[in-house]
């Protein structure tokens, strides 16, 4: 089984494939990351995935790439590092699961603002219709990233992220 997932606080020095960062709620959210990883790894062999979910299943841990675990002082530093790589060399996949997602909202706002001024920023958004304030987020996307939309299924969102990894 090929190692394709970077888990929290692991520093991987050389990433030689496009990186997809999974951005979205973790606290109080169902594990949407595992089906996302399953879909992406089944449909594209040329990407690495950064999964910030620290309570990943044994199956996901078996896909984990080894590296230094003492490099990042906190998980937030780990997230910032891989978000910065993915937005230019891969894609940031936002999934708005039905949970509060406070950091997700901050990250998505930052990504939309960055995209408004730098169209090389690669991200996509999908979400559950029950996600609180999803209509407000759609409105903000129409202002900051009018060519982006919120996909309604996880599969569509994964397909868009994979497509973005091929854009230069």
Foldseek 3Di string as FASTA:
>chain_A
DAQAEAEFQFDDPDDPFAEEEEFEDDVPFDCPPVVLVVLLVVPDVGYHYYYHHPPDDPVNVVNHDHHDNPPDPDRVVVNVVRLVRNQQQFEYQYEYTQDQGPVSVVVVVVLLQVCLVPVSGHYAAEYAPNRPPVVVVQVSCCVSPVVYGYHHDSNVSSVSRRVSNPDD
